[in-house]
C-alpha atoms as a PDB file:
ATOM      1  CA  MET A   1      24.822  -0.490   4.599  1.00  0.00           C
ATOM      2  CA  THR A   2      23.134   0.657   7.784  1.00  0.00           C
ATOM      3  CA  VAL A   3      21.553   4.078   7.623  1.00  0.00           C
ATOM      4  CA  GLN A   4      21.374   5.885  10.922  1.00  0.00           C
ATOM      5  CA  VAL A   5      21.265   9.399  12.254  1.00  0.00           C
ATOM      6  CA  GLY A   6      24.692  11.001  11.964  1.00  0.00           C
ATOM      7  CA  SER A   7      25.819   8.823   9.073  1.00  0.00           C
ATOM      8  CA  PRO A   8      26.321  10.064   5.520  1.00  0.00           C
ATOM      9  CA  ALA A   9      23.217   9.717   3.374  1.00  0.00           C
ATOM     10  CA  PRO A  10      23.669   7.114   0.650  1.00  0.00           C
ATOM     11  CA  ASN A  11      24.224   8.829  -2.669  1.00  0.00           C
ATOM     12  CA  PHE A  12      21.893   7.963  -5.521  1.00  0.00           C
ATOM     13  CA  LYS A  13      21.186   8.822  -9.116  1.00  0.00           C
ATOM     14  CA  ALA A  14      17.758   8.138 -10.598  1.00  0.00           C
ATOM     15  CA  GLN A  15      15.262   9.275 -13.176  1.00  0.00           C
ATOM     16  CA  ALA A  16      12.587  11.548 -11.759  1.00  0.00           C
ATOM     17  CA  TYR A  17       9.290  12.872 -12.956  1.00  0.00           C
ATOM     18  CA  LEU A  18       8.764  16.610 -12.575  1.00  0.00           C
ATOM     19  CA  ALA A  19       5.002  17.056 -12.840  1.00  0.00           C
ATOM     20  CA  GLN A  20       5.004  20.851 -12.779  1.00  0.00           C
ATOM     21  CA  SER A  21       7.047  21.004 -16.004  1.00  0.00           C
ATOM     22  CA  ASP A  22       5.908  17.579 -17.293  1.00  0.00           C
ATOM     23  CA  GLN A  23       9.519  16.466 -17.768  1.00  0.00           C
ATOM     24  CA  PHE A  24      11.812  13.603 -16.864  1.00  0.00           C
ATOM     25  CA  LYS A  25      15.198  14.418 -15.363  1.00  0.00           C
ATOM     26  CA  GLU A  26      18.064  12.462 -13.849  1.00  0.00           C
ATOM     27  CA  ILE A  27      18.577  13.555 -10.256  1.00  0.00           C
ATOM     28  CA  SER A  28      21.423  12.779  -7.887  1.00  0.00           C
ATOM     29  CA  LEU A  29      21.692  13.520  -4.186  1.00  0.00           C
ATOM     30  CA  GLU A  30      24.965  15.248  -5.124  1.00  0.00           C
ATOM     31  CA  ASP A  31      22.853  17.854  -6.966  1.00  0.00           C
ATOM     32  CA  TYR A  32      21.648  19.040  -3.545  1.00  0.00           C
ATOM     33  CA  LYS A  33      25.005  19.301  -1.781  1.00  0.00           C
ATOM     34  CA  GLY A  34      25.038  22.355   0.467  1.00  0.00           C
ATOM     35  CA  LYS A  35      21.253  22.269   0.964  1.00  0.00           C
ATOM     36  CA  TRP A  36      18.936  20.653   3.457  1.00  0.00           C
ATOM     37  CA  VAL A  37      16.953  17.815   1.899  1.00  0.00           C
ATOM     38  CA  CYS A  38      13.755  16.095   2.974  1.00  0.00           C
ATOM     39  CA  LEU A  39      13.553  12.784   1.139  1.00  0.00           C
ATOM     40  CA  TYR A  40      10.474  10.711   1.770  1.00  0.00           C
ATOM     41  CA  PHE A  41       9.590   7.262   0.484  1.00  0.00           C
ATOM     42  CA  TYR A  42       6.136   5.872  -0.154  1.00  0.00           C
ATOM     43  CA  PRO A  43       5.009   2.348  -1.088  1.00  0.00           C
ATOM     44  CA  MET A  44       3.411   2.572  -4.509  1.00  0.00           C
ATOM     45  CA  ASP A  45       1.663   4.727  -7.094  1.00  0.00           C
ATOM     46  CA  PHE A  46      -2.084   4.334  -7.665  1.00  0.00           C
ATOM     47  CA  THR A  47      -2.814   3.636  -4.001  1.00  0.00           C
ATOM     48  CA  PHE A  48      -4.946   5.319  -1.331  1.00  0.00           C
ATOM     49  CA  VAL A  49      -2.813   6.809   1.472  1.00  0.00           C
ATOM     50  CA  CYS A  50       0.125   7.798  -0.762  1.00  0.00           C
ATOM     51  CA  PRO A  51      -1.524  10.624  -2.733  1.00  0.00           C
ATOM     52  CA  THR A  52      -2.776  12.219   0.488  1.00  0.00           C
ATOM     53  CA  GLU A  53       0.796  12.376   1.782  1.00  0.00           C
ATOM     54  CA  ILE A  54       2.331  13.564  -1.479  1.00  0.00           C
ATOM     55  CA  ALA A  55      -0.293  16.296  -1.860  1.00  0.00           C
ATOM     56  CA  ALA A  56       0.177  17.337   1.793  1.00  0.00           C
ATOM     57  CA  PHE A  57       3.965  17.623   1.401  1.00  0.00           C
ATOM     58  CA  ASP A  58       3.519  19.536  -1.861  1.00  0.00           C
ATOM     59  CA  ALA A  59       1.031  21.948  -0.273  1.00  0.00           C
ATOM     60  CA  GLU A  60       3.765  22.905   2.218  1.00  0.00           C
ATOM     61  CA  ILE A  61       6.672  23.097  -0.261  1.00  0.00           C
ATOM     62  CA  GLU A  62       7.069  26.842   0.263  1.00  0.00           C
ATOM     63  CA  LYS A  63       7.559  26.229   4.000  1.00  0.00           C
ATOM     64  CA  PHE A  64      10.341  23.742   3.215  1.00  0.00           C
ATOM     65  CA  GLN A  65      11.938  26.123   0.701  1.00  0.00           C
ATOM     66  CA  LYS A  66      11.731  29.028   3.179  1.00  0.00           C
ATOM     67  CA  ARG A  67      13.872  26.873   5.475  1.00  0.00           C
ATOM     68  CA  GLY A  68      16.380  26.171   2.680  1.00  0.00           C
ATOM     69  CA  CYS A  69      15.181  22.583   2.363  1.00  0.00           C
ATOM     70  CA  GLU A  70      14.577  20.778  -0.913  1.00  0.00           C
ATOM     71  CA  LEU A  71      11.772  18.233  -1.001  1.00  0.00           C
ATOM     72  CA  MET A  72      11.716  15.016  -3.027  1.00  0.00           C
ATOM     73  CA  THR A  73       9.823  11.753  -2.922  1.00  0.00           C
ATOM     74  CA  CYS A  74      10.663   8.227  -4.038  1.00  0.00           C
ATOM     75  CA  SER A  75       8.957   4.926  -4.764  1.00  0.00           C
ATOM     76  CA  CYS A  76       9.908   1.786  -6.663  1.00  0.00           C
ATOM     77  CA  ASP A  77       7.624   2.748  -9.568  1.00  0.00           C
ATOM     78  CA  SER A  78       9.099   4.014 -12.847  1.00  0.00           C
ATOM     79  CA  HIS A  79       9.121   7.662 -13.848  1.00  0.00           C
ATOM     80  CA  TYR A  80       6.578   6.747 -16.556  1.00  0.00           C
ATOM     81  CA  VAL A  81       4.212   5.345 -13.927  1.00  0.00           C
ATOM     82  CA  HIS A  82       4.732   8.505 -11.834  1.00  0.00           C
ATOM     83  CA  LYS A  83       3.683  10.583 -14.844  1.00  0.00           C
ATOM     84  CA  GLY A  84       0.622   8.400 -15.489  1.00  0.00           C
ATOM     85  CA  TRP A  85      -0.431   8.688 -11.854  1.00  0.00           C
ATOM     86  CA  CYS A  86       0.030  12.474 -11.756  1.00  0.00           C
ATOM     87  CA  ASP A  87      -1.965  12.781 -14.994  1.00  0.00           C
ATOM     88  CA  ALA A  88      -4.753  10.567 -13.609  1.00  0.00           C
ATOM     89  CA  ASN A  89      -5.026  11.860 -10.037  1.00  0.00           C
ATOM     90  CA  PRO A  90      -6.285  15.444  -9.538  1.00  0.00           C
ATOM     91  CA  MET A  91      -4.476  15.622  -6.162  1.00  0.00           C
ATOM     92  CA  LEU A  92      -1.132  15.232  -7.949  1.00  0.00           C
ATOM     93  CA  LYS A  93      -1.547  17.490 -10.979  1.00  0.00           C
ATOM     94  CA  GLY A  94       1.173  20.141 -11.100  1.00  0.00           C
ATOM     95  CA  LEU A  95       3.170  18.581  -8.262  1.00  0.00           C
ATOM     96  CA  LYS A  96       6.067  20.911  -7.447  1.00  0.00           C
ATOM     97  CA  HIS A  97       8.667  18.447  -6.151  1.00  0.00           C
ATOM     98  CA  PRO A  98      10.463  15.584  -7.931  1.00  0.00           C
ATOM     99  CA  MET A  99       9.236  11.990  -7.820  1.00  0.00           C
ATOM    100  CA  LEU A 100      12.245   9.654  -7.964  1.00  0.00           C
ATOM    101  CA  ALA A 101      11.908   6.339  -9.776  1.00  0.00           C
ATOM    102  CA  ASP A 102      13.679   3.607  -7.805  1.00  0.00           C
ATOM    103  CA  THR A 103      13.054   0.800 -10.305  1.00  0.00           C
ATOM    104  CA  THR A 104      16.148  -1.141  -9.200  1.00  0.00           C
ATOM    105  CA  LYS A 105      15.058  -0.733  -5.554  1.00  0.00           C
ATOM    106  CA  ARG A 106      18.656   0.250  -4.741  1.00  0.00           C
ATOM    107  CA  ILE A 107      17.756   3.603  -3.160  1.00  0.00           C
ATOM    108  CA  SER A 108      15.104   1.985  -0.965  1.00  0.00           C
ATOM    109  CA  MET A 109      17.564  -0.746   0.033  1.00  0.00           C
ATOM    110  CA  ASP A 110      20.341   1.740   0.793  1.00  0.00           C
ATOM    111  CA  PHE A 111      18.027   3.830   2.984  1.00  0.00           C
ATOM    112  CA  GLY A 112      16.745   0.703   4.776  1.00  0.00           C
ATOM    113  CA  VAL A 113      13.065   1.071   3.854  1.00  0.00           C
ATOM    114  CA  LEU A 114      12.608  -1.703   1.276  1.00  0.00           C
ATOM    115  CA  LEU A 115      10.186  -4.502   2.070  1.00  0.00           C
ATOM    116  CA  ALA A 116      11.860  -6.975  -0.292  1.00  0.00           C
ATOM    117  CA  ASP A 117       9.097  -9.588  -0.062  1.00  0.00           C
ATOM    118  CA  LYS A 118       6.515  -7.012  -1.196  1.00  0.00           C
ATOM    119  CA  GLY A 119       8.770  -5.046  -3.558  1.00  0.00           C
ATOM    120  CA  VAL A 120       7.730  -1.714  -2.011  1.00  0.00           C
ATOM    121  CA  SER A 121       9.135   0.843   0.396  1.00  0.00           C
ATOM    122  CA  LEU A 122       7.922   1.664   3.859  1.00  0.00           C
ATOM    123  CA  ARG A 123       6.932   5.274   4.523  1.00  0.00           C
ATOM    124  CA  GLY A 124      10.409   6.511   5.407  1.00  0.00           C
ATOM    125  CA  THR A 125      11.232  10.181   5.923  1.00  0.00           C
ATOM    126  CA  PHE A 126      14.827  11.412   6.036  1.00  0.00           C
ATOM    127  CA  ILE A 127      16.131  14.893   6.784  1.00  0.00           C
ATOM    128  CA  ILE A 128      19.633  15.348   5.374  1.00  0.00           C
ATOM    129  CA  ASP A 129      21.764  18.347   6.313  1.00  0.00           C
ATOM    130  CA  PRO A 130      23.835  20.477   3.902  1.00  0.00           C
ATOM    131  CA  GLU A 131      26.925  18.338   4.608  1.00  0.00           C
ATOM    132  CA  GLY A 132      25.050  15.211   3.485  1.00  0.00           C
ATOM    133  CA  LEU A 133      24.536  13.734   6.965  1.00  0.00           C
ATOM    134  CA  ILE A 134      21.267  12.118   7.978  1.00  0.00           C
ATOM    135  CA  ARG A 135      19.903  14.149  10.876  1.00  0.00           C
ATOM    136  CA  TRP A 136      16.441  12.600  11.339  1.00  0.00           C
ATOM    137  CA  VAL A 137      14.729   9.368  10.342  1.00  0.00           C
ATOM    138  CA  ASN A 138      11.101   8.374  10.735  1.00  0.00           C
ATOM    139  CA  ILE A 139       9.660   5.172   9.297  1.00  0.00           C
ATOM    140  CA  ASN A 140       5.965   4.332   9.326  1.00  0.00           C
ATOM    141  CA  ASP A 141       4.243   1.057   8.537  1.00  0.00           C
ATOM    142  CA  LEU A 142       2.393   0.872   5.218  1.00  0.00           C
ATOM    143  CA  PRO A 143      -1.113   1.880   6.399  1.00  0.00           C
ATOM    144  CA  VAL A 144      -0.006   4.875   8.518  1.00  0.00           C
ATOM    145  CA  GLY A 145       0.284   8.298   6.874  1.00  0.00           C
ATOM    146  CA  ARG A 146       2.723  10.953   8.027  1.00  0.00           C
ATOM    147  CA  ASN A 147       2.201  14.370   9.592  1.00  0.00           C
ATOM    148  CA  VAL A 148       3.933  17.049   7.487  1.00  0.00           C
ATOM    149  CA  ASP A 149       3.714  19.584  10.332  1.00  0.00           C
ATOM    150  CA  GLU A 150       5.828  17.248  12.473  1.00  0.00           C
ATOM    151  CA  VAL A 151       8.459  16.957   9.735  1.00  0.00           C
ATOM    152  CA  LEU A 152       8.618  20.763   9.552  1.00  0.00           C
ATOM    153  CA  ARG A 153       8.802  21.007  13.367  1.00  0.00           C
ATOM    154  CA  VAL A 154      11.762  18.611  13.420  1.00  0.00           C
ATOM    155  CA  LEU A 155      13.468  20.534  10.601  1.00  0.00           C
ATOM    156  CA  ASP A 156      13.026  23.736  12.620  1.00  0.00           C
ATOM    157  CA  ALA A 157      14.444  22.028  15.713  1.00  0.00           C
ATOM    158  CA  LEU A 158      17.476  20.792  13.777  1.00  0.00           C
ATOM    159  CA  GLN A 159      18.044  24.252  12.327  1.00  0.00           C
ATOM    160  CA  SER A 160      17.590  25.997  15.707  1.00  0.00           C
ATOM    161  CA  GLY A 161      21.234  25.349  16.565  1.00  0.00           C
ATOM    162  CA  GLY A 162      20.632  24.157  20.086  1.00  0.00           C
ATOM    163  CA  LEU A 163      18.982  21.673  22.381  1.00  0.00           C
ATOM    164  CA  THR A 164      15.217  21.394  22.059  1.00  0.00           C
ATOM    165  CA  ALA A 165      12.982  20.019  24.791  1.00  0.00           C
ATOM    166  CA  CYS A 166      10.191  17.502  24.353  1.00  0.00           C
ATOM    167  CA  ASN A 167       7.262  19.138  22.521  1.00  0.00           C
ATOM    168  CA  TRP A 168       9.507  22.046  21.464  1.00  0.00           C
ATOM    169  CA  SER A 169       7.866  24.309  18.894  1.00  0.00           C
ATOM    170  CA  PRO A 170       9.344  27.076  16.740  1.00  0.00           C
ATOM    171  CA  GLY A 171       9.630  30.202  18.845  1.00  0.00           C
ATOM    172  CA  ASP A 172      10.345  28.244  22.028  1.00  0.00           C
ATOM    173  CA  ALA A 173      13.727  28.857  23.660  1.00  0.00           C
ATOM    174  CA  ASN A 174      16.482  26.320  23.361  1.00  0.00           C
ATOM    175  CA  LEU A 175      17.590  24.537  26.518  1.00  0.00           C
ATOM    176  CA  LYS A 176      20.649  25.865  28.294  1.00  0.00           C
ATOM    177  CA  PRO A 177      23.064  23.095  29.331  1.00  0.00           C
END
């Protein structure tokens, strides 16, 4: 399956760790039908760049929710490892968005971010619209962290309902064809 902008997002069902309530829950993309979704992948728990990204996304969760967008993250680690990492890392305690466990690596494969030879995912970020279509994709190499403000800017641009120029920012006018 080739994932590209404009195509339906691959459906998935996986166990997730919900740090805020200290619970495990099965989550499906179908659970979010009718909502915007920001799904981002990261390589591995107990690493260096990953917790900085996860904490940065979580710090901005209210901004995503204000835009009607649900946030979730995914790696090939198990939900038990996610829990252990959240318990051990002060940056991740009380995390407010789900951490999907892609132990079969199927979700990572379906979204085109799996590095099969390493058994980890690239840093892929996907914005999915309420109809389940992929509207934006960004994939970073393993050592390069993301910019959450840019993800929010793109979400705003997609939700603006019009054409947005290079370097468009919220509040800027849309282009007139």
